[in-house]
């Protein structure tokens, strides 16, 4: 039976007639995987074959060889595991360094972008301030040029003292006339006559003459006024004599 894999002979009296029953069957049936109540392992097969070759001594030597092989395999696996950990740590270190380099590059790029943005913003602010200053300066220059065109005085060499005095008097009269509004349509009082307006203008001219220390305009004195002035003058002379 070359294809026999599982054999159960427990309780069969023939097992008592086979010397070293389990080792013999394991050695004789090469493809046997399960015998009675437990499986046939590869170690069991090697022990059985060594026993068949040289008895218990050969089996002991085979067990020692097998133990040595297992120990060597164990240490190989252990060293492989250590190498794997070392490689993993090295790969992790390289990955972290690469990540740090990338992160540093990203931070430098961000800093450069921020610096460029700040520089661009400052340049825009300077340009805007320059434009505002130029616009304000141009506006003031236009206003000054308009004022100069509207109220440009004549050259000094072309104006005489009499002309200046006459212009000043006309400007003062004009100012007083503009300040005095005799009557308008919304006024509830009756419209003043021409004589009233002329009298009011004459009074304003007199007030203007007083303000500039000009000789005060006096009405023709009557006889009674002259007598009163004479008496007042005499009283003042008497007071002066008493003081002396």
C-alpha atoms as a PDB file:
ATOM      1  CA  UNK A   1       0.000   0.000   0.000  1.00  0.00           C
ATOM      2  CA  UNK A   2       2.336   2.829  -1.198  1.00  0.00           C
ATOM      3  CA  UNK A   3      -0.331   5.546  -0.761  1.00  0.00           C
ATOM      4  CA  UNK A   4      -1.137   4.726   2.888  1.00  0.00           C
ATOM      5  CA  UNK A   5      -1.328   7.977   4.907  1.00  0.00           C
ATOM      6  CA  UNK A   6      -3.299   7.138   8.083  1.00  0.00           C
ATOM      7  CA  UNK A   7      -3.090   3.905  10.061  1.00  0.00           C
ATOM      8  CA  UNK A   8      -4.963   3.021  13.241  1.00  0.00           C
ATOM      9  CA  UNK A   9      -3.884  -0.209  14.908  1.00  0.00           C
ATOM     10  CA  UNK A  10      -4.417   0.592  18.547  1.00  0.00           C
ATOM     11  CA  UNK A  11      -5.822  -2.454  20.390  1.00  0.00           C
ATOM     12  CA  UNK A  12      -4.801  -4.787  17.583  1.00  0.00           C
ATOM     13  CA  UNK A  13      -2.839  -7.742  19.072  1.00  0.00           C
ATOM     14  CA  UNK A  14      -0.425  -7.652  16.118  1.00  0.00           C
ATOM     15  CA  UNK A  15       1.241  -4.576  17.589  1.00  0.00           C
ATOM     16  CA  UNK A  16       2.688  -6.810  20.321  1.00  0.00           C
ATOM     17  CA  UNK A  17       4.422  -8.968  17.698  1.00  0.00           C
ATOM     18  CA  UNK A  18       6.199  -5.955  16.012  1.00  0.00           C
ATOM     19  CA  UNK A  19       9.411  -4.951  17.771  1.00  0.00           C
ATOM     20  CA  UNK A  20       9.732  -1.173  18.264  1.00  0.00           C
ATOM     21  CA  UNK A  21       6.239  -0.888  16.756  1.00  0.00           C
ATOM     22  CA  UNK A  22       5.955   2.879  16.124  1.00  0.00           C
ATOM     23  CA  UNK A  23       9.547   3.431  14.906  1.00  0.00           C
ATOM     24  CA  UNK A  24       9.358   0.386  12.604  1.00  0.00           C
ATOM     25  CA  UNK A  25       6.049   1.427  10.968  1.00  0.00           C
ATOM     26  CA  UNK A  26       7.220   5.022  10.591  1.00  0.00           C
ATOM     27  CA  UNK A  27      10.396   3.823   8.859  1.00  0.00           C
ATOM     28  CA  UNK A  28       8.675   1.184   6.681  1.00  0.00           C
ATOM     29  CA  UNK A  29       5.696   3.357   5.531  1.00  0.00           C
ATOM     30  CA  UNK A  30       7.415   6.423   3.995  1.00  0.00           C
ATOM     31  CA  UNK A  31       4.222   8.484   3.345  1.00  0.00           C
ATOM     32  CA  UNK A  32       2.586   7.822   6.716  1.00  0.00           C
ATOM     33  CA  UNK A  33       1.196  11.044   8.269  1.00  0.00           C
ATOM     34  CA  UNK A  34      -0.899   9.775  11.163  1.00  0.00           C
ATOM     35  CA  UNK A  35      -0.370   6.646  13.303  1.00  0.00           C
ATOM     36  CA  UNK A  36      -2.907   5.624  15.928  1.00  0.00           C
ATOM     37  CA  UNK A  37      -3.707   8.553  18.218  1.00  0.00           C
ATOM     38  CA  UNK A  38      -1.060  11.119  17.108  1.00  0.00           C
ATOM     39  CA  UNK A  39       0.575  12.468  13.925  1.00  0.00           C
ATOM     40  CA  UNK A  40       3.948  11.458  12.531  1.00  0.00           C
ATOM     41  CA  UNK A  41       6.194  14.512  12.519  1.00  0.00           C
ATOM     42  CA  UNK A  42       9.330  14.982  10.424  1.00  0.00           C
ATOM     43  CA  UNK A  43      11.488  14.729  13.550  1.00  0.00           C
ATOM     44  CA  UNK A  44       9.857  11.376  14.388  1.00  0.00           C
ATOM     45  CA  UNK A  45      10.655  10.086  10.908  1.00  0.00           C
ATOM     46  CA  UNK A  46      14.333  11.117  11.220  1.00  0.00           C
ATOM     47  CA  UNK A  47      14.628   9.441  14.613  1.00  0.00           C
ATOM     48  CA  UNK A  48      12.997   6.263  13.235  1.00  0.00           C
ATOM     49  CA  UNK A  49      15.310   6.157  10.236  1.00  0.00           C
ATOM     50  CA  UNK A  50      18.398   6.742  12.446  1.00  0.00           C
ATOM     51  CA  UNK A  51      17.236   3.953  14.781  1.00  0.00           C
ATOM     52  CA  UNK A  52      16.799   1.649  11.792  1.00  0.00           C
ATOM     53  CA  UNK A  53      20.315   2.463  10.609  1.00  0.00           C
ATOM     54  CA  UNK A  54      22.230   2.092  13.902  1.00  0.00           C
ATOM     55  CA  UNK A  55      19.980   1.546  16.843  1.00  0.00           C
ATOM     56  CA  UNK A  56      19.750   3.806  19.931  1.00  0.00           C
ATOM     57  CA  UNK A  57      23.246   5.276  19.473  1.00  0.00           C
ATOM     58  CA  UNK A  58      22.472   6.477  15.992  1.00  0.00           C
ATOM     59  CA  UNK A  59      19.174   7.853  17.227  1.00  0.00           C
ATOM     60  CA  UNK A  60      20.947   9.833  19.986  1.00  0.00           C
ATOM     61  CA  UNK A  61      23.394  11.282  17.479  1.00  0.00           C
ATOM     62  CA  UNK A  62      20.529  12.172  15.167  1.00  0.00           C
ATOM     63  CA  UNK A  63      18.765  13.900  18.030  1.00  0.00           C
ATOM     64  CA  UNK A  64      21.961  15.912  18.765  1.00  0.00           C
ATOM     65  CA  UNK A  65      22.337  16.855  15.104  1.00  0.00           C
ATOM     66  CA  UNK A  66      18.702  17.861  14.947  1.00  0.00           C
ATOM     67  CA  UNK A  67      19.020  19.989  18.092  1.00  0.00           C
ATOM     68  CA  UNK A  68      22.106  21.690  16.689  1.00  0.00           C
ATOM     69  CA  UNK A  69      20.320  22.393  13.437  1.00  0.00           C
ATOM     70  CA  UNK A  70      17.375  23.860  15.346  1.00  0.00           C
ATOM     71  CA  UNK A  71      19.673  26.015  17.464  1.00  0.00           C
ATOM     72  CA  UNK A  72      21.487  27.257  14.385  1.00  0.00           C
ATOM     73  CA  UNK A  73      18.190  27.968  12.689  1.00  0.00           C
ATOM     74  CA  UNK A  74      16.974  29.743  15.789  1.00  0.00           C
ATOM     75  CA  UNK A  75      20.071  31.957  15.884  1.00  0.00           C
ATOM     76  CA  UNK A  76      19.836  32.578  12.176  1.00  0.00           C
ATOM     77  CA  UNK A  77      16.246  33.637  12.643  1.00  0.00           C
ATOM     78  CA  UNK A  78      17.260  35.777  15.610  1.00  0.00           C
ATOM     79  CA  UNK A  79      20.025  37.452  13.623  1.00  0.00           C
ATOM     80  CA  UNK A  80      17.698  37.917  10.691  1.00  0.00           C
ATOM     81  CA  UNK A  81      15.166  39.510  13.033  1.00  0.00           C
ATOM     82  CA  UNK A  82      17.863  41.837  14.427  1.00  0.00           C
ATOM     83  CA  UNK A  83      18.969  42.711  10.906  1.00  0.00           C
ATOM     84  CA  UNK A  84      15.367  43.366   9.964  1.00  0.00           C
ATOM     85  CA  UNK A  85      14.932  45.692  12.961  1.00  0.00           C
ATOM     86  CA  UNK A  86      18.193  47.440  12.109  1.00  0.00           C
ATOM     87  CA  UNK A  87      17.124  47.901   8.498  1.00  0.00           C
ATOM     88  CA  UNK A  88      13.731  49.140   9.625  1.00  0.00           C
ATOM     89  CA  UNK A  89      15.336  51.675  11.970  1.00  0.00           C
ATOM     90  CA  UNK A  90      17.757  52.779   9.265  1.00  0.00           C
ATOM     91  CA  UNK A  91      14.928  53.148   6.773  1.00  0.00           C
ATOM     92  CA  UNK A  92      12.930  55.058   9.364  1.00  0.00           C
ATOM     93  CA  UNK A  93      15.903  57.338  10.058  1.00  0.00           C
ATOM     94  CA  UNK A  94      16.432  57.968   6.351  1.00  0.00           C
ATOM     95  CA  UNK A  95      12.707  58.611   5.911  1.00  0.00           C
ATOM     96  CA  UNK A  96      12.664  61.034   8.864  1.00  0.00           C
ATOM     97  CA  UNK A  97      15.717  62.857   7.515  1.00  0.00           C
ATOM     98  CA  UNK A  98      14.117  63.099   4.097  1.00  0.00           C
ATOM     99  CA  UNK A  99      10.888  64.282   5.712  1.00  0.00           C
ATOM    100  CA  UNK A 100      12.805  66.852   7.775  1.00  0.00           C
ATOM    101  CA  UNK A 101      14.584  68.061   4.631  1.00  0.00           C
ATOM    102  CA  UNK A 102      11.269  68.328   2.800  1.00  0.00           C
ATOM    103  CA  UNK A 103       9.662  70.064   5.785  1.00  0.00           C
ATOM    104  CA  UNK A 104      12.587  72.461   6.028  1.00  0.00           C
ATOM    105  CA  UNK A 105      12.299  73.165   2.328  1.00  0.00           C
ATOM    106  CA  UNK A 106       8.568  73.791   2.711  1.00  0.00           C
ATOM    107  CA  UNK A 107       9.184  76.142   5.652  1.00  0.00           C
ATOM    108  CA  UNK A 108      11.848  77.995   3.695  1.00  0.00           C
ATOM    109  CA  UNK A 109       9.480  78.290   0.748  1.00  0.00           C
ATOM    110  CA  UNK A 110       6.752  79.600   3.046  1.00  0.00           C
ATOM    111  CA  UNK A 111       9.151  82.088   4.622  1.00  0.00           C
ATOM    112  CA  UNK A 112      10.299  83.188   1.175  1.00  0.00           C
ATOM    113  CA  UNK A 113       6.685  83.545   0.057  1.00  0.00           C
ATOM    114  CA  UNK A 114       5.872  85.574   3.172  1.00  0.00           C
ATOM    115  CA  UNK A 115       8.937  87.761   2.622  1.00  0.00           C
ATOM    116  CA  UNK A 116       8.004  88.261  -1.050  1.00  0.00           C
ATOM    117  CA  UNK A 117       4.416  89.042  -0.097  1.00  0.00           C
ATOM    118  CA  UNK A 118       5.541  91.524   2.573  1.00  0.00           C
ATOM    119  CA  UNK A 119       7.957  93.150   0.150  1.00  0.00           C
ATOM    120  CA  UNK A 120       5.250  93.346  -2.506  1.00  0.00           C
ATOM    121  CA  UNK A 121       2.795  94.809   0.008  1.00  0.00           C
ATOM    122  CA  UNK A 122       5.312  97.428   1.161  1.00  0.00           C
ATOM    123  CA  UNK A 123       6.051  98.324  -2.450  1.00  0.00           C
ATOM    124  CA  UNK A 124       2.319  98.702  -3.149  1.00  0.00           C
ATOM    125  CA  UNK A 125       1.880 100.859  -0.041  1.00  0.00           C
ATOM    126  CA  UNK A 126       4.812 103.056  -1.053  1.00  0.00           C
ATOM    127  CA  UNK A 127       3.481 103.336  -4.578  1.00  0.00           C
ATOM    128  CA  UNK A 128      -0.013 104.151  -3.281  1.00  0.00           C
ATOM    129  CA  UNK A 129       1.389 106.743  -0.868  1.00  0.00           C
ATOM    130  CA  UNK A 130       3.473 108.253  -3.681  1.00  0.00           C
ATOM    131  CA  UNK A 131       0.414 108.446  -5.939  1.00  0.00           C
ATOM    132  CA  UNK A 132      -1.677 110.017  -3.162  1.00  0.00           C
ATOM    133  CA  UNK A 133       1.083 112.540  -2.464  1.00  0.00           C
ATOM    134  CA  UNK A 134       1.428 113.380  -6.157  1.00  0.00           C
ATOM    135  CA  UNK A 135      -2.350 113.699  -6.537  1.00  0.00           C
ATOM    136  CA  UNK A 136      -2.603 115.955  -3.476  1.00  0.00           C
ATOM    137  CA  UNK A 137       0.367 117.999  -4.658  1.00  0.00           C
ATOM    138  CA  UNK A 138      -1.153 118.347  -8.142  1.00  0.00           C
ATOM    139  CA  UNK A 139      -4.512 119.317  -6.609  1.00  0.00           C
ATOM    140  CA  UNK A 140      -2.910 121.997  -4.430  1.00  0.00           C
ATOM    141  CA  UNK A 141      -0.902 123.258  -7.387  1.00  0.00           C
ATOM    142  CA  UNK A 142      -4.075 123.485  -9.485  1.00  0.00           C
ATOM    143  CA  UNK A 143      -5.874 125.313  -6.678  1.00  0.00           C
ATOM    144  CA  UNK A 144      -2.994 127.749  -6.323  1.00  0.00           C
ATOM    145  CA  UNK A 145      -2.846 128.268 -10.088  1.00  0.00           C
ATOM    146  CA  UNK A 146      -6.613 128.929 -10.163  1.00  0.00           C
ATOM    147  CA  UNK A 147      -6.313 131.401  -7.289  1.00  0.00           C
ATOM    148  CA  UNK A 148      -3.391 133.024  -9.036  1.00  0.00           C
ATOM    149  CA  UNK A 149      -5.398 133.315 -12.261  1.00  0.00           C
ATOM    150  CA  UNK A 150      -8.481 134.652 -10.472  1.00  0.00           C
ATOM    151  CA  UNK A 151      -6.770 137.108  -8.115  1.00  0.00           C
ATOM    152  CA  UNK A 152      -3.380 137.756  -9.635  1.00  0.00           C
ATOM    153  CA  UNK A 153      -2.273 141.249  -8.542  1.00  0.00           C
ATOM    154  CA  UNK A 154      -0.584 143.581 -10.983  1.00  0.00           C
ATOM    155  CA  UNK A 155       3.163 143.857 -11.003  1.00  0.00           C
ATOM    156  CA  UNK A 156       4.646 146.171  -8.367  1.00  0.00           C
ATOM    157  CA  UNK A 157       6.371 148.338 -10.909  1.00  0.00           C
ATOM    158  CA  UNK A 158       3.040 149.022 -12.673  1.00  0.00           C
ATOM    159  CA  UNK A 159       1.090 150.094  -9.547  1.00  0.00           C
ATOM    160  CA  UNK A 160       1.444 153.499  -7.904  1.00  0.00           C
ATOM    161  CA  UNK A 161       0.658 154.467  -4.333  1.00  0.00           C
ATOM    162  CA  UNK A 162      -2.445 156.418  -5.441  1.00  0.00           C
ATOM    163  CA  UNK A 163      -3.774 153.397  -7.316  1.00  0.00           C
ATOM    164  CA  UNK A 164      -3.241 151.147  -4.296  1.00  0.00           C
ATOM    165  CA  UNK A 165      -5.033 153.634  -2.007  1.00  0.00           C
ATOM    166  CA  UNK A 166      -7.917 153.967  -4.451  1.00  0.00           C
ATOM    167  CA  UNK A 167      -8.260 150.179  -4.833  1.00  0.00           C
ATOM    168  CA  UNK A 168      -8.192 149.737  -1.050  1.00  0.00           C
ATOM    169  CA  UNK A 169     -10.958 152.357  -0.607  1.00  0.00           C
ATOM    170  CA  UNK A 170     -13.080 150.774  -3.327  1.00  0.00           C
ATOM    171  CA  UNK A 171     -12.618 147.328  -1.775  1.00  0.00           C
ATOM    172  CA  UNK A 172     -13.678 148.648   1.655  1.00  0.00           C
ATOM    173  CA  UNK A 173     -16.734 150.417   0.172  1.00  0.00           C
ATOM    174  CA  UNK A 174     -17.657 147.264  -1.747  1.00  0.00           C
ATOM    175  CA  UNK A 175     -17.277 145.195   1.415  1.00  0.00           C
ATOM    176  CA  UNK A 176     -19.523 147.567   3.350  1.00  0.00           C
ATOM    177  CA  UNK A 177     -22.078 147.611   0.551  1.00  0.00           C
ATOM    178  CA  UNK A 178     -22.122 143.817   0.465  1.00  0.00           C
ATOM    179  CA  UNK A 179     -22.497 143.699   4.240  1.00  0.00           C
ATOM    180  CA  UNK A 180     -25.459 146.102   4.118  1.00  0.00           C
ATOM    181  CA  UNK A 181     -28.585 144.585   2.596  1.00  0.00           C
ATOM    182  CA  UNK A 182     -31.259 147.307   2.713  1.00  0.00           C
ATOM    183  CA  UNK A 183     -34.139 145.220   1.588  1.00  0.00           C
ATOM    184  CA  UNK A 184     -35.060 141.940  -0.198  1.00  0.00           C
ATOM    185  CA  UNK A 185     -38.245 140.294  -1.424  1.00  0.00           C
ATOM    186  CA  UNK A 186     -38.696 138.180   1.715  1.00  0.00           C
ATOM    187  CA  UNK A 187     -38.510 141.158   4.072  1.00  0.00           C
ATOM    188  CA  UNK A 188     -41.834 142.054   5.714  1.00  0.00           C
ATOM    189  CA  UNK A 189     -40.892 145.742   6.074  1.00  0.00           C
ATOM    190  CA  UNK A 190     -41.708 148.214   3.266  1.00  0.00           C
ATOM    191  CA  UNK A 191     -39.078 148.714   0.585  1.00  0.00           C
ATOM    192  CA  UNK A 192     -36.689 151.569   1.541  1.00  0.00           C
ATOM    193  CA  UNK A 193     -36.461 154.659  -0.631  1.00  0.00           C
ATOM    194  CA  UNK A 194     -33.371 155.722  -2.529  1.00  0.00           C
ATOM    195  CA  UNK A 195     -32.659 158.538  -0.025  1.00  0.00           C
ATOM    196  CA  UNK A 196     -32.715 156.039   2.865  1.00  0.00           C
ATOM    197  CA  UNK A 197     -30.253 153.759   1.120  1.00  0.00           C
ATOM    198  CA  UNK A 198     -27.902 156.673   0.293  1.00  0.00           C
ATOM    199  CA  UNK A 199     -28.055 157.890   3.910  1.00  0.00           C
ATOM    200  CA  UNK A 200     -27.214 154.396   5.193  1.00  0.00           C
ATOM    201  CA  UNK A 201     -24.269 154.107   2.792  1.00  0.00           C
ATOM    202  CA  UNK A 202     -23.030 157.549   3.888  1.00  0.00           C
ATOM    203  CA  UNK A 203     -23.125 156.419   7.542  1.00  0.00           C
ATOM    204  CA  UNK A 204     -21.190 153.276   6.667  1.00  0.00           C
ATOM    205  CA  UNK A 205     -18.539 155.359   4.865  1.00  0.00           C
ATOM    206  CA  UNK A 206     -18.203 157.595   7.912  1.00  0.00           C
ATOM    207  CA  UNK A 207     -17.753 154.537  10.173  1.00  0.00           C
ATOM    208  CA  UNK A 208     -15.138 153.196   7.783  1.00  0.00           C
ATOM    209  CA  UNK A 209     -13.275 156.528   7.842  1.00  0.00           C
ATOM    210  CA  UNK A 210     -13.242 156.435  11.651  1.00  0.00           C
ATOM    211  CA  UNK A 211     -11.781 152.933  11.680  1.00  0.00           C
ATOM    212  CA  UNK A 212      -8.852 154.047   9.492  1.00  0.00           C
ATOM    213  CA  UNK A 213      -8.127 157.198  11.598  1.00  0.00           C
ATOM    214  CA  UNK A 214      -9.299 159.496   8.830  1.00  0.00           C
ATOM    215  CA  UNK A 215     -10.769 162.917   9.647  1.00  0.00           C
ATOM    216  CA  UNK A 216     -14.278 162.490  10.961  1.00  0.00           C
ATOM    217  CA  UNK A 217     -16.958 163.983   8.833  1.00  0.00           C
ATOM    218  CA  UNK A 218     -18.786 166.763  10.664  1.00  0.00           C
ATOM    219  CA  UNK A 219     -22.040 168.440   9.753  1.00  0.00           C
ATOM    220  CA  UNK A 220     -22.094 172.246   9.495  1.00  0.00           C
ATOM    221  CA  UNK A 221     -22.193 173.654  13.019  1.00  0.00           C
ATOM    222  CA  UNK A 222     -25.102 175.849  14.000  1.00  0.00           C
ATOM    223  CA  UNK A 223     -24.840 179.000  16.094  1.00  0.00           C
ATOM    224  CA  UNK A 224     -26.073 177.202  19.201  1.00  0.00           C
ATOM    225  CA  UNK A 225     -23.482 174.465  18.787  1.00  0.00           C
ATOM    226  CA  UNK A 226     -20.695 177.045  18.479  1.00  0.00           C
ATOM    227  CA  UNK A 227     -21.814 178.797  21.701  1.00  0.00           C
ATOM    228  CA  UNK A 228     -21.834 175.491  23.577  1.00  0.00           C
ATOM    229  CA  UNK A 229     -18.342 174.613  22.344  1.00  0.00           C
ATOM    230  CA  UNK A 230     -17.041 178.059  23.383  1.00  0.00           C
ATOM    231  CA  UNK A 231     -18.470 177.726  26.904  1.00  0.00           C
ATOM    232  CA  UNK A 232     -16.957 174.238  27.232  1.00  0.00           C
ATOM    233  CA  UNK A 233     -13.555 175.555  26.122  1.00  0.00           C
ATOM    234  CA  UNK A 234     -13.688 178.382  28.679  1.00  0.00           C
ATOM    235  CA  UNK A 235     -14.540 175.908  31.436  1.00  0.00           C
ATOM    236  CA  UNK A 236     -11.549 173.754  30.497  1.00  0.00           C
ATOM    237  CA  UNK A 237      -9.154 176.799  30.602  1.00  0.00           C
ATOM    238  CA  UNK A 238     -10.465 177.735  34.073  1.00  0.00           C
ATOM    239  CA  UNK A 239      -9.855 174.213  35.330  1.00  0.00           C
ATOM    240  CA  UNK A 240      -6.324 174.345  34.019  1.00  0.00           C
ATOM    241  CA  UNK A 241      -5.586 177.653  35.821  1.00  0.00           C
ATOM    242  CA  UNK A 242      -6.869 176.226  39.108  1.00  0.00           C
ATOM    243  CA  UNK A 243      -4.629 173.209  38.683  1.00  0.00           C
ATOM    244  CA  UNK A 244      -1.582 175.478  38.128  1.00  0.00           C
END
